[in-house]
């Protein structure tokens, strides 16, 4: 016969499985909030508090969906995306209706003017059927060693992007929004590191968002944005940035330093070593360096982003050919084999770290 403690543990285990079983609903409701621009609607009323009817009035064709909206908002409040109470702004008396306001979390989902630091494009990208479909192939990926995205779409993610302009736009928008957020942390944490650089090449720089932000803070730097030709084709002009199309597995433009943000985790160890060897050729032996912005895994860590790092590792495994997040020992191994025998790890205020590596 089970003791009370065993019964409680069994029930908690069951509750835990139910929670994980329907965890996808959290992502889908978050996507719904972004698609309907619910944070922006509340923001348009001065961040709230606002009634459900006020929110619904600014959603096109919402006349029949108010009851659905109430149920969506109920879960979003439970998840602390929005707050809810019955107090009027002046505190004069209580409202008979629920009043909704923004929270620190929902401010990261704003898409309107003045919301340059937003995760909304990333929410739309990661929860789009194009990327979600690869997760349904995860079991087959484990059994066969194949890449889930390739199983779902018959080609690598980069080839899919080059052939599909809409996916390419969705992907670039998602990467650009995270760049702005992560680069803010990089600029804050790596002030001394950028001061001594005269030229910087951003390998895999997308449409140049990260490099633009760095040069805003360090206008003495001459930047080269380097990515695949179909990506560079959509990059906006900038007077201190030269856009160059090419393949990082073949050659990398010369500069005082090579910058790579969220690039190495897309590839397996052998590919990363190839990239690092090309970085080594692109910089001066005595003064050059590579600056990597990526996650450094801490599997047992209890930091704010440590669990997200483990999830990101599975994202890389699912979407990319050999992609993975790495702990410090794994970073040390590929850096040394790529020709960089000295490195520093610098913490930033956000998800990623800075890995500063030198050939000598």
Foldseek 3Di string as FASTA:
>chain_A
DDDPVRVVVVVVVVVVCVCVVCVVVVLVLVLVCLVQVQQVQCVVVVQDFDFLVSSQVPRPPCPPPSVVVVVSVVVCCVVVQKPWDQADPVRPDGHPTITIGGDPNVLQSHDDPPSLQHQVLVSCLCPPCLNVQLVVCVVVCVVPVDASSCVRPVDAPVVVLLVDVVNVVSVLVNVLNVLVVVLVQVCVFCVVVCQPFQEEEEAQCFLPNNVVVNCVVVVNYQYEYEEAPSRPVPHDDDPRYHYDHDDLLVADAATQEYEYEPPQLLAALVSLLSSLLRRCVRHDQPRHKYKYKFAAADCPDDDPCNVVQVVVQVSSRRRHYNGGHHHPVSVCVSCVSSQFNDWDWTDTPDRIIIIITHND
